[in-house]
């Protein structure tokens, strides 16, 4: 499963590069200090959030504007956050760190 996600992410990066586009600097994995919450920001504007043992607890799309991120989950709810440092994301009362 992880290799499939990684392959898809790499293919998206290559497609962006071929079009002359580059992903924003926040693409990648973001994790709470205890590792319980994990957000993977994919270069194609999609995200996957894992919570504890639930590897795909939430999925949806996101947009980054400057240092602000907006999430639209596939189930219909929305959320947002801010990158307060290059490797620190504040999201919904949580602090996530780049992994």
N, C-alpha and C. Protein backbone atom coordinates (compact mmCIF):
# COMPACT_ATOMS: atom_id res chain seq x y z
N UNK A 1 0.83 -1.19 0.00
CA UNK A 1 0.00 0.00 0.00
C UNK A 1 0.87 1.26 0.00
N UNK A 2 1.88 1.31 0.90
CA UNK A 2 2.74 2.49 0.97
C UNK A 2 3.52 2.67 -0.33
N UNK A 3 3.99 1.56 -0.92
CA UNK A 3 4.75 1.70 -2.15
C UNK A 3 3.87 2.22 -3.28
N UNK A 4 2.58 1.86 -3.28
CA UNK A 4 1.66 2.37 -4.28
C UNK A 4 1.48 3.87 -4.12
N UNK A 5 1.33 4.34 -2.87
CA UNK A 5 1.18 5.77 -2.61
C UNK A 5 2.45 6.51 -3.01
N UNK A 6 3.60 5.94 -2.68
CA UNK A 6 4.87 6.57 -3.01
C UNK A 6 5.04 6.65 -4.52
N UNK A 7 4.71 5.56 -5.22
CA UNK A 7 4.80 5.56 -6.68
C UNK A 7 3.90 6.62 -7.28
N UNK A 8 2.67 6.74 -6.78
CA UNK A 8 1.74 7.75 -7.29
C UNK A 8 2.27 9.15 -7.03
N UNK A 9 2.83 9.36 -5.84
CA UNK A 9 3.38 10.67 -5.49
C UNK A 9 4.56 11.02 -6.40
N UNK A 10 5.43 10.06 -6.64
CA UNK A 10 6.58 10.30 -7.51
C UNK A 10 6.14 10.58 -8.95
N UNK A 11 5.12 9.86 -9.41
CA UNK A 11 4.61 10.09 -10.76
C UNK A 11 4.03 11.50 -10.88
N UNK A 12 3.34 11.95 -9.83
CA UNK A 12 2.77 13.31 -9.85
C UNK A 12 3.88 14.36 -9.88
N UNK A 13 4.94 14.14 -9.12
CA UNK A 13 6.07 15.08 -9.11
C UNK A 13 6.70 15.14 -10.50
N UNK A 14 6.88 13.98 -11.12
CA UNK A 14 7.47 13.95 -12.46
C UNK A 14 6.57 14.66 -13.47
N UNK A 15 5.26 14.48 -13.35
CA UNK A 15 4.32 15.15 -14.26
C UNK A 15 4.39 16.66 -14.06
N UNK A 16 4.45 17.11 -12.80
CA UNK A 16 4.58 18.54 -12.52
C UNK A 16 5.87 19.09 -13.11
N UNK A 17 6.95 18.35 -12.94
CA UNK A 17 8.24 18.80 -13.45
C UNK A 17 8.20 18.90 -14.98
N UNK A 18 7.55 17.94 -15.62
CA UNK A 18 7.45 17.95 -17.07
C UNK A 18 6.67 19.17 -17.56
N UNK A 19 5.71 19.63 -16.76
CA UNK A 19 4.93 20.82 -17.13
C UNK A 19 5.60 22.11 -16.65
N UNK A 20 6.74 21.98 -15.99
CA UNK A 20 7.44 23.15 -15.49
C UNK A 20 6.89 23.63 -14.15
N UNK A 21 6.06 22.81 -13.50
CA UNK A 21 5.49 23.18 -12.21
C UNK A 21 6.29 22.50 -11.10
N UNK A 22 6.37 23.15 -9.96
CA UNK A 22 7.01 22.53 -8.81
C UNK A 22 6.03 22.55 -7.65
N UNK A 23 6.01 21.50 -6.84
CA UNK A 23 5.09 21.47 -5.70
C UNK A 23 5.54 22.47 -4.63
N UNK A 24 4.59 22.89 -3.80
CA UNK A 24 4.93 23.80 -2.71
C UNK A 24 5.90 23.11 -1.74
N UNK A 25 6.55 23.85 -0.88
CA UNK A 25 7.59 23.26 -0.02
C UNK A 25 7.08 22.39 1.12
N UNK A 26 5.77 22.26 1.29
CA UNK A 26 5.23 21.52 2.43
C UNK A 26 4.80 20.10 2.08
N UNK A 27 5.00 19.67 0.83
CA UNK A 27 4.66 18.30 0.45
C UNK A 27 5.45 17.34 1.32
N UNK A 28 4.81 16.27 1.77
CA UNK A 28 5.49 15.26 2.56
C UNK A 28 4.68 14.85 3.78
N UNK A 29 5.35 14.20 4.70
CA UNK A 29 4.70 13.65 5.89
C UNK A 29 4.84 14.61 7.06
N UNK A 30 3.73 14.81 7.79
CA UNK A 30 3.67 15.65 8.99
C UNK A 30 3.08 14.82 10.11
N UNK A 31 3.72 14.83 11.28
CA UNK A 31 3.38 13.90 12.37
C UNK A 31 3.34 14.64 13.70
N UNK A 32 2.36 14.27 14.55
CA UNK A 32 2.35 14.81 15.91
C UNK A 32 3.54 14.21 16.67
N UNK A 33 3.93 14.86 17.76
CA UNK A 33 5.09 14.41 18.52
C UNK A 33 4.96 12.96 18.97
N UNK A 34 3.74 12.54 19.32
CA UNK A 34 3.53 11.16 19.78
C UNK A 34 3.33 10.18 18.62
N UNK A 35 3.29 10.69 17.38
CA UNK A 35 3.14 9.83 16.21
C UNK A 35 1.73 9.35 15.95
N UNK A 36 0.77 9.76 16.78
CA UNK A 36 -0.60 9.28 16.65
C UNK A 36 -1.29 9.81 15.39
N UNK A 37 -1.08 11.09 15.07
CA UNK A 37 -1.70 11.71 13.89
C UNK A 37 -0.62 11.91 12.83
N UNK A 38 -0.92 11.45 11.62
CA UNK A 38 0.04 11.56 10.53
C UNK A 38 -0.68 12.08 9.28
N UNK A 39 -0.24 13.22 8.77
CA UNK A 39 -0.78 13.80 7.53
C UNK A 39 0.25 13.62 6.43
N UNK A 40 -0.15 13.03 5.34
CA UNK A 40 0.73 12.99 4.18
C UNK A 40 0.15 13.94 3.14
N UNK A 41 0.87 15.01 2.86
CA UNK A 41 0.47 15.98 1.84
C UNK A 41 1.10 15.55 0.52
N UNK A 42 0.28 15.10 -0.39
CA UNK A 42 0.77 14.61 -1.68
C UNK A 42 0.94 15.77 -2.66
N UNK A 43 1.84 15.66 -3.60
CA UNK A 43 2.10 16.75 -4.53
C UNK A 43 0.94 17.05 -5.48
N UNK A 44 -0.04 16.16 -5.56
CA UNK A 44 -1.18 16.36 -6.46
C UNK A 44 -2.34 17.09 -5.79
N UNK A 45 -2.11 17.66 -4.59
CA UNK A 45 -3.17 18.40 -3.90
C UNK A 45 -4.11 17.54 -3.08
N UNK A 46 -3.75 16.29 -2.88
CA UNK A 46 -4.54 15.38 -2.04
C UNK A 46 -3.77 15.12 -0.75
N UNK A 47 -4.50 14.70 0.28
CA UNK A 47 -3.85 14.32 1.53
C UNK A 47 -4.47 13.04 2.05
N UNK A 48 -3.71 12.34 2.87
CA UNK A 48 -4.18 11.16 3.59
C UNK A 48 -3.78 11.36 5.04
N UNK A 49 -4.76 11.20 5.93
CA UNK A 49 -4.48 11.34 7.36
C UNK A 49 -4.67 10.01 8.06
N UNK A 50 -3.66 9.61 8.81
CA UNK A 50 -3.74 8.40 9.63
C UNK A 50 -3.91 8.82 11.09
N UNK A 51 -4.69 8.03 11.81
CA UNK A 51 -4.90 8.28 13.25
C UNK A 51 -4.73 6.95 13.98
N UNK A 52 -3.69 6.87 14.77
CA UNK A 52 -3.43 5.63 15.49
C UNK A 52 -3.24 4.49 14.51
N UNK A 53 -4.05 3.43 14.67
CA UNK A 53 -3.96 2.26 13.80
C UNK A 53 -4.74 2.42 12.49
N UNK A 54 -5.52 3.48 12.37
CA UNK A 54 -6.31 3.71 11.15
C UNK A 54 -5.46 4.46 10.14
N UNK A 55 -4.88 3.74 9.19
CA UNK A 55 -3.94 4.33 8.23
C UNK A 55 -4.60 5.32 7.28
N UNK A 56 -5.85 5.15 6.95
CA UNK A 56 -6.54 6.05 6.03
C UNK A 56 -7.81 6.56 6.70
N UNK A 57 -7.64 7.18 7.86
CA UNK A 57 -8.79 7.66 8.62
C UNK A 57 -9.53 8.76 7.86
N UNK A 58 -8.79 9.65 7.22
CA UNK A 58 -9.38 10.75 6.44
C UNK A 58 -8.57 10.95 5.18
N UNK A 59 -9.28 11.35 4.12
CA UNK A 59 -8.64 11.65 2.85
C UNK A 59 -9.38 12.82 2.21
N UNK A 60 -8.68 13.59 1.43
CA UNK A 60 -9.34 14.69 0.74
C UNK A 60 -8.35 15.52 -0.04
N UNK A 61 -8.75 16.74 -0.33
CA UNK A 61 -7.87 17.62 -1.07
C UNK A 61 -7.45 18.78 -0.16
N UNK A 62 -6.40 19.46 -0.56
CA UNK A 62 -5.93 20.60 0.20
C UNK A 62 -5.35 21.63 -0.74
N UNK A 63 -5.28 22.87 -0.25
CA UNK A 63 -4.61 23.95 -0.99
C UNK A 63 -3.76 24.73 -0.01
N UNK A 64 -2.57 25.09 -0.45
CA UNK A 64 -1.67 25.91 0.35
C UNK A 64 -1.56 27.28 -0.31
N UNK A 65 -1.78 28.32 0.49
CA UNK A 65 -1.60 29.70 0.05
C UNK A 65 -0.63 30.34 1.02
N UNK A 66 0.58 30.60 0.55
CA UNK A 66 1.62 31.13 1.44
C UNK A 66 1.94 30.10 2.51
N UNK A 67 1.63 30.41 3.76
CA UNK A 67 1.88 29.48 4.86
C UNK A 67 0.57 28.94 5.46
N UNK A 68 -0.54 29.16 4.76
CA UNK A 68 -1.85 28.71 5.24
C UNK A 68 -2.30 27.50 4.42
N UNK A 69 -2.92 26.51 5.08
CA UNK A 69 -3.43 25.33 4.40
C UNK A 69 -4.91 25.17 4.70
N UNK A 70 -5.68 24.87 3.67
CA UNK A 70 -7.11 24.57 3.78
C UNK A 70 -7.31 23.12 3.35
N UNK A 71 -8.12 22.38 4.13
CA UNK A 71 -8.43 20.98 3.85
C UNK A 71 -9.92 20.84 3.53
N UNK A 72 -10.23 20.01 2.54
CA UNK A 72 -11.60 19.63 2.25
C UNK A 72 -11.63 18.10 2.23
N UNK A 73 -12.18 17.52 3.28
CA UNK A 73 -12.22 16.07 3.39
C UNK A 73 -13.27 15.50 2.44
N UNK A 74 -13.03 14.30 1.94
CA UNK A 74 -13.96 13.65 1.03
C UNK A 74 -15.32 13.40 1.67
N UNK A 75 -15.41 13.36 3.00
CA UNK A 75 -16.68 13.15 3.68
C UNK A 75 -17.46 14.44 3.86
N UNK A 76 -16.84 15.61 3.54
CA UNK A 76 -17.57 16.86 3.56
C UNK A 76 -17.13 17.90 4.58
N UNK A 77 -16.31 17.54 5.56
CA UNK A 77 -15.91 18.57 6.52
C UNK A 77 -14.68 19.31 6.03
N UNK A 78 -14.46 20.48 6.63
CA UNK A 78 -13.31 21.31 6.26
C UNK A 78 -12.47 21.59 7.50
N UNK A 79 -11.23 21.92 7.27
CA UNK A 79 -10.31 22.28 8.35
C UNK A 79 -9.24 23.18 7.75
N UNK A 80 -8.44 23.77 8.62
CA UNK A 80 -7.33 24.58 8.12
C UNK A 80 -6.18 24.55 9.11
N UNK A 81 -5.09 25.17 8.72
CA UNK A 81 -3.91 25.22 9.58
C UNK A 81 -2.91 26.22 9.04
N UNK A 82 -1.84 26.38 9.78
CA UNK A 82 -0.78 27.31 9.39
C UNK A 82 0.58 26.69 9.64
N UNK A 83 1.46 26.86 8.67
CA UNK A 83 2.85 26.46 8.82
C UNK A 83 3.53 27.62 9.52
N UNK A 84 3.85 27.45 10.82
CA UNK A 84 4.40 28.55 11.61
C UNK A 84 5.91 28.62 11.53
N UNK A 85 6.52 27.54 11.10
CA UNK A 85 7.95 27.44 10.82
C UNK A 85 8.07 26.48 9.65
N UNK A 86 9.20 26.41 8.98
CA UNK A 86 9.31 25.50 7.84
C UNK A 86 8.98 24.04 8.17
N UNK A 87 9.19 23.62 9.41
CA UNK A 87 8.96 22.23 9.78
C UNK A 87 7.92 22.06 10.87
N UNK A 88 7.04 23.06 11.07
CA UNK A 88 6.01 23.00 12.11
C UNK A 88 4.67 23.45 11.53
N UNK A 89 3.65 22.59 11.68
CA UNK A 89 2.30 22.87 11.21
C UNK A 89 1.36 22.89 12.40
N UNK A 90 0.62 23.97 12.58
CA UNK A 90 -0.45 24.04 13.57
C UNK A 90 -1.75 23.76 12.84
N UNK A 91 -2.45 22.72 13.29
CA UNK A 91 -3.68 22.27 12.61
C UNK A 91 -4.67 21.76 13.64
N UNK A 92 -5.83 22.41 13.71
CA UNK A 92 -6.95 21.95 14.55
C UNK A 92 -6.52 21.69 15.99
N UNK A 93 -5.74 22.61 16.56
CA UNK A 93 -5.31 22.46 17.94
C UNK A 93 -4.14 21.50 18.13
N UNK A 94 -3.63 20.97 17.06
CA UNK A 94 -2.49 20.04 17.13
C UNK A 94 -1.26 20.71 16.55
N UNK A 95 -0.10 20.19 16.94
CA UNK A 95 1.16 20.61 16.35
C UNK A 95 1.75 19.39 15.66
N UNK A 96 2.02 19.54 14.36
CA UNK A 96 2.62 18.47 13.58
C UNK A 96 4.00 18.91 13.11
N UNK A 97 4.89 17.94 13.00
CA UNK A 97 6.27 18.21 12.62
C UNK A 97 6.58 17.45 11.33
N UNK A 98 7.41 18.08 10.49
CA UNK A 98 7.83 17.39 9.27
C UNK A 98 8.64 16.16 9.63
N UNK A 99 8.35 15.09 8.95
CA UNK A 99 9.08 13.83 9.19
C UNK A 99 9.98 13.56 8.01
